[in-house]
PDB file of N, CA and C in Angstrom:
ATOM      1  N   UNK A   1     -26.227 -15.633   2.533  1.00  0.00           N
ATOM      2  CA  UNK A   1     -27.159 -15.880   3.611  1.00  0.00           C
ATOM      3  C   UNK A   1     -26.635 -15.193   4.873  1.00  0.00           C
ATOM      4  N   UNK A   2     -27.551 -14.682   5.645  1.00  0.00           N
ATOM      5  CA  UNK A   2     -27.188 -14.112   6.941  1.00  0.00           C
ATOM      6  C   UNK A   2     -27.811 -14.980   8.034  1.00  0.00           C
ATOM      7  N   UNK A   3     -27.121 -15.071   9.148  1.00  0.00           N
ATOM      8  CA  UNK A   3     -27.609 -15.853  10.282  1.00  0.00           C
ATOM      9  C   UNK A   3     -28.306 -14.899  11.247  1.00  0.00           C
ATOM     10  N   UNK A   4     -29.553 -15.215  11.565  1.00  0.00           N
ATOM     11  CA  UNK A   4     -30.335 -14.420  12.502  1.00  0.00           C
ATOM     12  C   UNK A   4     -30.869 -15.329  13.594  1.00  0.00           C
ATOM     13  N   UNK A   5     -31.387 -14.723  14.656  1.00  0.00           N
ATOM     14  CA  UNK A   5     -31.930 -15.490  15.779  1.00  0.00           C
ATOM     15  C   UNK A   5     -33.391 -15.131  15.963  1.00  0.00           C
ATOM     16  N   UNK A   6     -34.236 -16.142  15.933  1.00  0.00           N
ATOM     17  CA  UNK A   6     -35.668 -15.915  16.188  1.00  0.00           C
ATOM     18  C   UNK A   6     -35.839 -15.436  17.624  1.00  0.00           C
ATOM     19  N   UNK A   7     -36.892 -14.721  17.870  1.00  0.00           N
ATOM     20  CA  UNK A   7     -37.147 -14.176  19.202  1.00  0.00           C
ATOM     21  C   UNK A   7     -37.236 -15.284  20.252  1.00  0.00           C
ATOM     22  N   UNK A   8     -37.728 -16.465  19.851  1.00  0.00           N
ATOM     23  CA  UNK A   8     -37.847 -17.571  20.801  1.00  0.00           C
ATOM     24  C   UNK A   8     -36.591 -18.441  20.867  1.00  0.00           C
ATOM     25  N   UNK A   9     -35.490 -18.047  20.214  1.00  0.00           N
ATOM     26  CA  UNK A   9     -34.221 -18.726  20.420  1.00  0.00           C
ATOM     27  C   UNK A   9     -33.484 -19.339  19.263  1.00  0.00           C
ATOM     28  N   UNK A  10     -34.111 -20.130  18.391  1.00  0.00           N
ATOM     29  CA  UNK A  10     -33.328 -20.823  17.371  1.00  0.00           C
ATOM     30  C   UNK A  10     -32.778 -19.880  16.291  1.00  0.00           C
ATOM     31  N   UNK A  11     -31.569 -20.198  15.851  1.00  0.00           N
ATOM     32  CA  UNK A  11     -30.937 -19.443  14.769  1.00  0.00           C
ATOM     33  C   UNK A  11     -31.404 -20.000  13.424  1.00  0.00           C
ATOM     34  N   UNK A  12     -31.403 -19.141  12.413  1.00  0.00           N
ATOM     35  CA  UNK A  12     -31.749 -19.580  11.068  1.00  0.00           C
ATOM     36  C   UNK A  12     -31.009 -18.714  10.063  1.00  0.00           C
ATOM     37  N   UNK A  13     -30.859 -19.239   8.858  1.00  0.00           N
ATOM     38  CA  UNK A  13     -30.189 -18.510   7.776  1.00  0.00           C
ATOM     39  C   UNK A  13     -31.261 -17.949   6.848  1.00  0.00           C
ATOM     40  N   UNK A  14     -31.036 -16.708   6.410  1.00  0.00           N
ATOM     41  CA  UNK A  14     -32.010 -16.040   5.561  1.00  0.00           C
ATOM     42  C   UNK A  14     -31.299 -15.370   4.395  1.00  0.00           C
ATOM     43  N   UNK A  15     -31.875 -15.489   3.225  1.00  0.00           N
ATOM     44  CA  UNK A  15     -31.372 -14.781   2.053  1.00  0.00           C
ATOM     45  C   UNK A  15     -31.850 -13.333   2.168  1.00  0.00           C
ATOM     46  N   UNK A  16     -30.934 -12.373   2.366  1.00  0.00           N
ATOM     47  CA  UNK A  16     -31.367 -10.987   2.578  1.00  0.00           C
ATOM     48  C   UNK A  16     -32.026 -10.353   1.351  1.00  0.00           C
ATOM     49  N   UNK A  17     -31.857 -10.958   0.189  1.00  0.00           N
ATOM     50  CA  UNK A  17     -32.512 -10.427  -1.010  1.00  0.00           C
ATOM     51  C   UNK A  17     -34.027 -10.624  -0.956  1.00  0.00           C
ATOM     52  N   UNK A  18     -34.494 -11.469  -0.042  1.00  0.00           N
ATOM     53  CA  UNK A  18     -35.933 -11.726   0.074  1.00  0.00           C
ATOM     54  C   UNK A  18     -36.630 -10.780   1.047  1.00  0.00           C
ATOM     55  N   UNK A  19     -35.853  -9.922   1.733  1.00  0.00           N
ATOM     56  CA  UNK A  19     -36.443  -9.003   2.703  1.00  0.00           C
ATOM     57  C   UNK A  19     -37.045  -7.809   1.972  1.00  0.00           C
ATOM     58  N   UNK A  20     -38.343  -7.612   2.178  1.00  0.00           N
ATOM     59  CA  UNK A  20     -39.014  -6.452   1.598  1.00  0.00           C
ATOM     60  C   UNK A  20     -38.943  -5.267   2.554  1.00  0.00           C
ATOM     61  N   UNK A  21     -39.116  -5.562   3.854  1.00  0.00           N
ATOM     62  CA  UNK A  21     -39.180  -4.488   4.837  1.00  0.00           C
ATOM     63  C   UNK A  21     -38.712  -5.013   6.189  1.00  0.00           C
ATOM     64  N   UNK A  22     -38.104  -4.130   6.974  1.00  0.00           N
ATOM     65  CA  UNK A  22     -37.723  -4.450   8.346  1.00  0.00           C
ATOM     66  C   UNK A  22     -38.251  -3.338   9.237  1.00  0.00           C
ATOM     67  N   UNK A  23     -39.013  -3.716  10.258  1.00  0.00           N
ATOM     68  CA  UNK A  23     -39.610  -2.744  11.176  1.00  0.00           C
ATOM     69  C   UNK A  23     -39.088  -2.987  12.583  1.00  0.00           C
ATOM     70  N   UNK A  24     -38.947  -1.914  13.347  1.00  0.00           N
ATOM     71  CA  UNK A  24     -38.561  -2.008  14.749  1.00  0.00           C
ATOM     72  C   UNK A  24     -39.768  -1.569  15.565  1.00  0.00           C
ATOM     73  N   UNK A  25     -40.432  -2.528  16.259  1.00  0.00           N
ATOM     74  CA  UNK A  25     -41.751  -2.234  16.862  1.00  0.00           C
ATOM     75  C   UNK A  25     -41.914  -2.660  18.317  1.00  0.00           C
ATOM     76  N   UNK A  26     -41.125  -2.700  19.290  1.00  0.00           N
ATOM     77  CA  UNK A  26     -39.686  -2.498  19.333  1.00  0.00           C
ATOM     78  C   UNK A  26     -38.885  -3.721  18.890  1.00  0.00           C
ATOM     79  N   UNK A  27     -39.534  -4.891  18.783  1.00  0.00           N
ATOM     80  CA  UNK A  27     -38.820  -6.048  18.238  1.00  0.00           C
ATOM     81  C   UNK A  27     -38.608  -5.831  16.740  1.00  0.00           C
ATOM     82  N   UNK A  28     -37.570  -6.454  16.203  1.00  0.00           N
ATOM     83  CA  UNK A  28     -37.311  -6.333  14.771  1.00  0.00           C
ATOM     84  C   UNK A  28     -38.165  -7.351  14.039  1.00  0.00           C
ATOM     85  N   UNK A  29     -39.032  -6.861  13.168  1.00  0.00           N
ATOM     86  CA  UNK A  29     -39.935  -7.716  12.390  1.00  0.00           C
ATOM     87  C   UNK A  29     -39.523  -7.610  10.927  1.00  0.00           C
ATOM     88  N   UNK A  30     -39.202  -8.751  10.332  1.00  0.00           N
ATOM     89  CA  UNK A  30     -38.831  -8.816   8.923  1.00  0.00           C
ATOM     90  C   UNK A  30     -40.030  -9.282   8.128  1.00  0.00           C
ATOM     91  N   UNK A  31     -40.338  -8.580   7.068  1.00  0.00           N
ATOM     92  CA  UNK A  31     -41.392  -8.995   6.142  1.00  0.00           C
ATOM     93  C   UNK A  31     -40.711  -9.339   4.832  1.00  0.00           C
ATOM     94  N   UNK A  32     -40.899 -10.571   4.390  1.00  0.00           N
ATOM     95  CA  UNK A  32     -40.291 -11.018   3.142  1.00  0.00           C
ATOM     96  C   UNK A  32     -41.199 -10.671   1.965  1.00  0.00           C
ATOM     97  N   UNK A  33     -40.663 -10.795   0.765  1.00  0.00           N
ATOM     98  CA  UNK A  33     -41.419 -10.438  -0.437  1.00  0.00           C
ATOM     99  C   UNK A  33     -42.687 -11.276  -0.608  1.00  0.00           C
ATOM    100  N   UNK A  34     -42.717 -12.469  -0.017  1.00  0.00           N
ATOM    101  CA  UNK A  34     -43.918 -13.310  -0.135  1.00  0.00           C
ATOM    102  C   UNK A  34     -44.897 -13.098   1.026  1.00  0.00           C
ATOM    103  N   UNK A  35     -44.601 -12.130   1.906  1.00  0.00           N
ATOM    104  CA  UNK A  35     -45.489 -11.825   3.024  1.00  0.00           C
ATOM    105  C   UNK A  35     -45.142 -12.527   4.317  1.00  0.00           C
ATOM    106  N   UNK A  36     -44.212 -13.477   4.291  1.00  0.00           N
ATOM    107  CA  UNK A  36     -43.786 -14.173   5.504  1.00  0.00           C
ATOM    108  C   UNK A  36     -43.146 -13.172   6.454  1.00  0.00           C
ATOM    109  N   UNK A  37     -43.456 -13.320   7.739  1.00  0.00           N
ATOM    110  CA  UNK A  37     -42.888 -12.424   8.748  1.00  0.00           C
ATOM    111  C   UNK A  37     -42.048 -13.225   9.738  1.00  0.00           C
ATOM    112  N   UNK A  38     -40.912 -12.632  10.119  1.00  0.00           N
ATOM    113  CA  UNK A  38     -40.043 -13.205  11.143  1.00  0.00           C
ATOM    114  C   UNK A  38     -39.768 -12.133  12.177  1.00  0.00           C
ATOM    115  N   UNK A  39     -39.842 -12.517  13.460  1.00  0.00           N
ATOM    116  CA  UNK A  39     -39.453 -11.622  14.541  1.00  0.00           C
ATOM    117  C   UNK A  39     -38.097 -12.121  15.028  1.00  0.00           C
ATOM    118  N   UNK A  40     -37.109 -11.227  15.016  1.00  0.00           N
ATOM    119  CA  UNK A  40     -35.742 -11.625  15.349  1.00  0.00           C
ATOM    120  C   UNK A  40     -35.198 -10.810  16.513  1.00  0.00           C
ATOM    121  N   UNK A  41     -34.195 -11.369  17.166  1.00  0.00           N
ATOM    122  CA  UNK A  41     -33.550 -10.737  18.319  1.00  0.00           C
ATOM    123  C   UNK A  41     -32.711  -9.538  17.890  1.00  0.00           C
ATOM    124  N   UNK A  42     -32.069  -9.632  16.733  1.00  0.00           N
ATOM    125  CA  UNK A  42     -31.150  -8.597  16.282  1.00  0.00           C
ATOM    126  C   UNK A  42     -31.868  -7.265  16.090  1.00  0.00           C
ATOM    127  N   UNK A  43     -31.177  -6.185  16.441  1.00  0.00           N
ATOM    128  CA  UNK A  43     -31.745  -4.846  16.243  1.00  0.00           C
ATOM    129  C   UNK A  43     -31.738  -4.509  14.759  1.00  0.00           C
ATOM    130  N   UNK A  44     -32.469  -3.475  14.410  1.00  0.00           N
ATOM    131  CA  UNK A  44     -32.513  -3.015  13.024  1.00  0.00           C
ATOM    132  C   UNK A  44     -31.114  -2.613  12.561  1.00  0.00           C
ATOM    133  N   UNK A  45     -30.349  -1.964  13.432  1.00  0.00           N
ATOM    134  CA  UNK A  45     -28.983  -1.556  13.104  1.00  0.00           C
ATOM    135  C   UNK A  45     -28.097  -2.768  12.860  1.00  0.00           C
ATOM    136  N   UNK A  46     -28.218  -3.794  13.709  1.00  0.00           N
ATOM    137  CA  UNK A  46     -27.431  -5.018  13.543  1.00  0.00           C
ATOM    138  C   UNK A  46     -27.831  -5.752  12.262  1.00  0.00           C
ATOM    139  N   UNK A  47     -29.115  -5.797  11.962  1.00  0.00           N
ATOM    140  CA  UNK A  47     -29.603  -6.429  10.739  1.00  0.00           C
ATOM    141  C   UNK A  47     -28.994  -5.758   9.510  1.00  0.00           C
ATOM    142  N   UNK A  48     -29.025  -4.446   9.476  1.00  0.00           N
ATOM    143  CA  UNK A  48     -28.465  -3.709   8.342  1.00  0.00           C
ATOM    144  C   UNK A  48     -26.967  -3.963   8.227  1.00  0.00           C
ATOM    145  N   UNK A  49     -26.269  -4.012   9.353  1.00  0.00           N
ATOM    146  CA  UNK A  49     -24.825  -4.289   9.335  1.00  0.00           C
ATOM    147  C   UNK A  49     -24.552  -5.682   8.760  1.00  0.00           C
ATOM    148  N   UNK A  50     -25.344  -6.665   9.130  1.00  0.00           N
ATOM    149  CA  UNK A  50     -25.156  -8.026   8.610  1.00  0.00           C
ATOM    150  C   UNK A  50     -25.441  -8.101   7.115  1.00  0.00           C
ATOM    151  N   UNK A  51     -26.470  -7.395   6.666  1.00  0.00           N
ATOM    152  CA  UNK A  51     -26.779  -7.381   5.233  1.00  0.00           C
ATOM    153  C   UNK A  51     -25.649  -6.709   4.462  1.00  0.00           C
ATOM    154  N   UNK A  52     -25.137  -5.585   4.979  1.00  0.00           N
ATOM    155  CA  UNK A  52     -24.014  -4.909   4.321  1.00  0.00           C
ATOM    156  C   UNK A  52     -22.797  -5.817   4.252  1.00  0.00           C
ATOM    157  N   UNK A  53     -22.508  -6.515   5.353  1.00  0.00           N
ATOM    158  CA  UNK A  53     -21.352  -7.411   5.378  1.00  0.00           C
ATOM    159  C   UNK A  53     -21.535  -8.530   4.359  1.00  0.00           C
ATOM    160  N   UNK A  54     -22.735  -9.104   4.314  1.00  0.00           N
ATOM    161  CA  UNK A  54     -23.010 -10.183   3.363  1.00  0.00           C
ATOM    162  C   UNK A  54     -22.804  -9.715   1.932  1.00  0.00           C
ATOM    163  N   UNK A  55     -23.379  -8.576   1.591  1.00  0.00           N
ATOM    164  CA  UNK A  55     -23.259  -8.072   0.217  1.00  0.00           C
ATOM    165  C   UNK A  55     -21.825  -7.706  -0.117  1.00  0.00           C
ATOM    166  N   UNK A  56     -21.098  -7.144   0.850  1.00  0.00           N
ATOM    167  CA  UNK A  56     -19.684  -6.831   0.621  1.00  0.00           C
ATOM    168  C   UNK A  56     -18.885  -8.106   0.399  1.00  0.00           C
ATOM    169  N   UNK A  57     -19.220  -9.179   1.122  1.00  0.00           N
ATOM    170  CA  UNK A  57     -18.500 -10.443   0.952  1.00  0.00           C
ATOM    171  C   UNK A  57     -18.772 -11.056  -0.415  1.00  0.00           C
ATOM    172  N   UNK A  58     -19.985 -10.879  -0.935  1.00  0.00           N
ATOM    173  CA  UNK A  58     -20.313 -11.376  -2.273  1.00  0.00           C
ATOM    174  C   UNK A  58     -19.493 -10.621  -3.317  1.00  0.00           C
ATOM    175  N   UNK A  59     -19.417  -9.302  -3.181  1.00  0.00           N
ATOM    176  CA  UNK A  59     -18.643  -8.489  -4.122  1.00  0.00           C
ATOM    177  C   UNK A  59     -17.163  -8.838  -4.028  1.00  0.00           C
ATOM    178  N   UNK A  60     -16.660  -9.028  -2.807  1.00  0.00           N
ATOM    179  CA  UNK A  60     -15.248  -9.387  -2.635  1.00  0.00           C
ATOM    180  C   UNK A  60     -14.953 -10.749  -3.247  1.00  0.00           C
ATOM    181  N   UNK A  61     -15.848 -11.706  -3.061  1.00  0.00           N
ATOM    182  CA  UNK A  61     -15.643 -13.040  -3.633  1.00  0.00           C
ATOM    183  C   UNK A  61     -15.678 -12.979  -5.155  1.00  0.00           C
ATOM    184  N   UNK A  62     -16.569 -12.165  -5.702  1.00  0.00           N
ATOM    185  CA  UNK A  62     -16.637 -12.030  -7.153  1.00  0.00           C
ATOM    186  C   UNK A  62     -15.367 -11.387  -7.689  1.00  0.00           C
ATOM    187  N   UNK A  63     -14.803 -10.464  -6.938  1.00  0.00           N
ATOM    188  CA  UNK A  63     -13.573  -9.803  -7.350  1.00  0.00           C
ATOM    189  C   UNK A  63     -12.364 -10.709  -7.287  1.00  0.00           C
ATOM    190  N   UNK A  64     -12.475 -11.820  -6.576  1.00  0.00           N
ATOM    191  CA  UNK A  64     -11.357 -12.754  -6.452  1.00  0.00           C
ATOM    192  C   UNK A  64     -11.148 -13.557  -7.733  1.00  0.00           C
ATOM    193  N   UNK A  65     -12.155 -13.588  -8.606  1.00  0.00           N
ATOM    194  CA  UNK A  65     -12.025 -14.295  -9.878  1.00  0.00           C
ATOM    195  C   UNK A  65     -11.267 -13.432 -10.861  1.00  0.00           C
ATOM    196  N   UNK A  66     -10.371 -14.045 -11.600  1.00  0.00           N
ATOM    197  CA  UNK A  66      -9.676 -13.359 -12.675  1.00  0.00           C
ATOM    198  C   UNK A  66     -10.484 -13.611 -13.937  1.00  0.00           C
ATOM    199  N   UNK A  67     -11.396 -12.692 -14.232  1.00  0.00           N
ATOM    200  CA  UNK A  67     -12.340 -12.870 -15.326  1.00  0.00           C
ATOM    201  C   UNK A  67     -11.625 -13.066 -16.660  1.00  0.00           C
ATOM    202  N   UNK A  68     -10.478 -12.444 -16.841  1.00  0.00           N
ATOM    203  CA  UNK A  68      -9.754 -12.574 -18.111  1.00  0.00           C
ATOM    204  C   UNK A  68      -9.302 -14.008 -18.344  1.00  0.00           C
ATOM    205  N   UNK A  69      -9.155 -14.795 -17.287  1.00  0.00           N
ATOM    206  CA  UNK A  69      -8.675 -16.166 -17.431  1.00  0.00           C
ATOM    207  C   UNK A  69      -9.761 -17.208 -17.171  1.00  0.00           C
ATOM    208  N   UNK A  70     -11.026 -16.821 -17.288  1.00  0.00           N
ATOM    209  CA  UNK A  70     -12.105 -17.785 -17.114  1.00  0.00           C
ATOM    210  C   UNK A  70     -12.539 -18.331 -18.467  1.00  0.00           C
ATOM    211  N   UNK A  71     -12.781 -19.636 -18.499  1.00  0.00           N
ATOM    212  CA  UNK A  71     -13.342 -20.262 -19.693  1.00  0.00           C
ATOM    213  C   UNK A  71     -14.855 -20.165 -19.549  1.00  0.00           C
ATOM    214  N   UNK A  72     -15.484 -19.296 -20.315  1.00  0.00           N
ATOM    215  CA  UNK A  72     -16.923 -19.080 -20.213  1.00  0.00           C
ATOM    216  C   UNK A  72     -17.722 -19.983 -21.139  1.00  0.00           C
ATOM    217  N   UNK A  73     -17.077 -20.975 -21.709  1.00  0.00           N
ATOM    218  CA  UNK A  73     -17.758 -21.884 -22.610  1.00  0.00           C
ATOM    219  C   UNK A  73     -18.631 -22.856 -21.820  1.00  0.00           C
ATOM    220  N   UNK A  74     -19.906 -23.028 -22.224  1.00  0.00           N
ATOM    221  CA  UNK A  74     -20.748 -24.004 -21.542  1.00  0.00           C
ATOM    222  C   UNK A  74     -20.408 -25.436 -21.936  1.00  0.00           C
ATOM    223  N   UNK A  75     -19.595 -25.600 -22.971  1.00  0.00           N
ATOM    224  CA  UNK A  75     -19.217 -26.920 -23.445  1.00  0.00           C
ATOM    225  C   UNK A  75     -17.887 -27.311 -22.800  1.00  0.00           C
ATOM    226  N   UNK A  76     -17.831 -28.420 -22.042  1.00  0.00           N
ATOM    227  CA  UNK A  76     -16.598 -28.798 -21.360  1.00  0.00           C
ATOM    228  C   UNK A  76     -15.432 -29.090 -22.301  1.00  0.00           C
ATOM    229  N   UNK A  77     -15.707 -29.325 -23.602  1.00  0.00           N
ATOM    230  CA  UNK A  77     -14.642 -29.592 -24.561  1.00  0.00           C
ATOM    231  C   UNK A  77     -14.062 -28.323 -25.158  1.00  0.00           C
ATOM    232  N   UNK A  78     -14.602 -27.154 -24.784  1.00  0.00           N
ATOM    233  CA  UNK A  78     -14.074 -25.897 -25.275  1.00  0.00           C
ATOM    234  C   UNK A  78     -15.058 -25.169 -26.154  1.00  0.00           C
ATOM    235  N   UNK A  79     -14.776 -23.909 -26.432  1.00  0.00           N
ATOM    236  CA  UNK A  79     -15.730 -23.071 -27.140  1.00  0.00           C
ATOM    237  C   UNK A  79     -15.909 -23.421 -28.606  1.00  0.00           C
ATOM    238  N   UNK A  80     -14.975 -24.133 -29.231  1.00  0.00           N
ATOM    239  CA  UNK A  80     -15.068 -24.404 -30.657  1.00  0.00           C
ATOM    240  C   UNK A  80     -15.434 -25.852 -30.964  1.00  0.00           C
ATOM    241  N   UNK A  81     -16.034 -26.552 -30.008  1.00  0.00           N
ATOM    242  CA  UNK A  81     -16.331 -27.965 -30.226  1.00  0.00           C
ATOM    243  C   UNK A  81     -17.828 -28.223 -30.393  1.00  0.00           C
ATOM    244  N   UNK A  82     -18.550 -27.224 -30.883  1.00  0.00           N
ATOM    245  CA  UNK A  82     -19.984 -27.410 -31.113  1.00  0.00           C
ATOM    246  C   UNK A  82     -20.801 -26.777 -30.021  1.00  0.00           C
ATOM    247  N   UNK A  83     -21.900 -26.186 -30.401  1.00  0.00           N
ATOM    248  CA  UNK A  83     -22.752 -25.515 -29.419  1.00  0.00           C
ATOM    249  C   UNK A  83     -22.140 -24.184 -29.033  1.00  0.00           C
ATOM    250  N   UNK A  84     -22.922 -23.339 -28.501  1.00  0.00           N
ATOM    251  CA  UNK A  84     -22.441 -22.042 -28.066  1.00  0.00           C
ATOM    252  C   UNK A  84     -23.182 -21.624 -26.823  1.00  0.00           C
ATOM    253  N   UNK A  85     -22.983 -20.391 -26.400  1.00  0.00           N
ATOM    254  CA  UNK A  85     -23.635 -19.920 -25.193  1.00  0.00           C
ATOM    255  C   UNK A  85     -25.150 -19.961 -25.294  1.00  0.00           C
ATOM    256  N   UNK A  86     -25.667 -19.840 -26.506  1.00  0.00           N
ATOM    257  CA  UNK A  86     -27.120 -19.835 -26.676  1.00  0.00           C
ATOM    258  C   UNK A  86     -27.679 -21.199 -27.063  1.00  0.00           C
ATOM    259  N   UNK A  87     -26.837 -22.196 -27.118  1.00  0.00           N
ATOM    260  CA  UNK A  87     -27.298 -23.521 -27.513  1.00  0.00           C
ATOM    261  C   UNK A  87     -27.894 -24.246 -26.310  1.00  0.00           C
ATOM    262  N   UNK A  88     -29.162 -24.684 -26.389  1.00  0.00           N
ATOM    263  CA  UNK A  88     -29.771 -25.369 -25.250  1.00  0.00           C
ATOM    264  C   UNK A  88     -29.187 -26.749 -25.002  1.00  0.00           C
ATOM    265  N   UNK A  89     -28.423 -27.267 -25.955  1.00  0.00           N
ATOM    266  CA  UNK A  89     -27.874 -28.605 -25.757  1.00  0.00           C
ATOM    267  C   UNK A  89     -26.410 -28.585 -25.373  1.00  0.00           C
ATOM    268  N   UNK A  90     -25.794 -27.421 -25.314  1.00  0.00           N
ATOM    269  CA  UNK A  90     -24.392 -27.376 -24.912  1.00  0.00           C
ATOM    270  C   UNK A  90     -24.291 -27.583 -23.412  1.00  0.00           C
ATOM    271  N   UNK A  91     -23.131 -28.018 -22.946  1.00  0.00           N
ATOM    272  CA  UNK A  91     -22.917 -28.222 -21.524  1.00  0.00           C
ATOM    273  C   UNK A  91     -23.688 -29.404 -20.982  1.00  0.00           C
ATOM    274  N   UNK A  92     -23.779 -30.470 -21.752  1.00  0.00           N
ATOM    275  CA  UNK A  92     -24.442 -31.675 -21.255  1.00  0.00           C
ATOM    276  C   UNK A  92     -25.954 -31.613 -21.371  1.00  0.00           C
ATOM    277  N   UNK A  93     -26.476 -30.686 -22.181  1.00  0.00           N
ATOM    278  CA  UNK A  93     -27.909 -30.637 -22.404  1.00  0.00           C
ATOM    279  C   UNK A  93     -28.677 -29.810 -21.398  1.00  0.00           C
ATOM    280  N   UNK A  94     -28.025 -29.281 -20.374  1.00  0.00           N
ATOM    281  CA  UNK A  94     -28.747 -28.528 -19.362  1.00  0.00           C
ATOM    282  C   UNK A  94     -28.909 -27.072 -19.726  1.00  0.00           C
ATOM    283  N   UNK A  95     -28.073 -26.568 -20.654  1.00  0.00           N
ATOM    284  CA  UNK A  95     -28.114 -25.161 -20.986  1.00  0.00           C
ATOM    285  C   UNK A  95     -27.470 -24.302 -19.916  1.00  0.00           C
ATOM    286  N   UNK A  96     -26.867 -24.912 -18.887  1.00  0.00           N
ATOM    287  CA  UNK A  96     -26.250 -24.164 -17.798  1.00  0.00           C
ATOM    288  C   UNK A  96     -24.865 -23.687 -18.198  1.00  0.00           C
ATOM    289  N   UNK A  97     -24.518 -22.519 -17.732  1.00  0.00           N
ATOM    290  CA  UNK A  97     -23.205 -21.945 -17.978  1.00  0.00           C
ATOM    291  C   UNK A  97     -22.324 -22.265 -16.787  1.00  0.00           C
ATOM    292  N   UNK A  98     -21.181 -22.879 -17.026  1.00  0.00           N
ATOM    293  CA  UNK A  98     -20.260 -23.233 -15.962  1.00  0.00           C
ATOM    294  C   UNK A  98     -19.016 -22.381 -16.079  1.00  0.00           C
ATOM    295  N   UNK A  99     -18.652 -21.700 -14.990  1.00  0.00           N
ATOM    296  CA  UNK A  99     -17.427 -20.908 -14.962  1.00  0.00           C
ATOM    297  C   UNK A  99     -16.296 -21.802 -14.476  1.00  0.00           C
ATOM    298  N   UNK A 100     -15.302 -21.976 -15.329  1.00  0.00           N
ATOM    299  CA  UNK A 100     -14.181 -22.850 -15.003  1.00  0.00           C
ATOM    300  C   UNK A 100     -12.897 -22.034 -15.031  1.00  0.00           C
ATOM    301  N   UNK A 101     -12.220 -21.850 -13.886  1.00  0.00           N
ATOM    302  CA  UNK A 101     -10.965 -21.097 -13.906  1.00  0.00           C
ATOM    303  C   UNK A 101      -9.944 -21.829 -14.783  1.00  0.00           C
ATOM    304  N   UNK A 102      -9.205 -21.082 -15.567  1.00  0.00           N
ATOM    305  CA  UNK A 102      -8.164 -21.661 -16.393  1.00  0.00           C
ATOM    306  C   UNK A 102      -6.828 -21.166 -15.902  1.00  0.00           C
ATOM    307  N   UNK A 103      -5.786 -21.864 -16.260  1.00  0.00           N
ATOM    308  CA  UNK A 103      -4.465 -21.445 -15.807  1.00  0.00           C
ATOM    309  C   UNK A 103      -4.031 -20.236 -16.593  1.00  0.00           C
ATOM    310  N   UNK A 104      -3.450 -19.258 -15.888  1.00  0.00           N
ATOM    311  CA  UNK A 104      -2.951 -18.050 -16.547  1.00  0.00           C
ATOM    312  C   UNK A 104      -1.591 -18.295 -17.151  1.00  0.00           C
ATOM    313  N   UNK A 105      -1.291 -17.574 -18.227  1.00  0.00           N
ATOM    314  CA  UNK A 105       0.009 -17.732 -18.882  1.00  0.00           C
ATOM    315  C   UNK A 105       1.007 -16.798 -18.284  1.00  0.00           C
TER     316      UNK A 105
END
């Protein structure tokens, strides 16, 4: 999420993946994929810088995980205790995949 300021003052958080277009008219107008429009104080250059920073922070955070030592099993009892990644009842019945860091050897 990026923090932006509406033209009339209040700050708000926005998921930059929802931005379809940004126009400078001279105010910065954001058009989201659903057609919602926001007029913000930040310039087009500042908006792009914030989006770049946000995306870089997501990539950096993802890189902080040691993927080789992650337990990718959706079943909290381990990968060989019934159910698999494609089982809708594994992981407590939700079908959700939980990434659990494991201790490295």
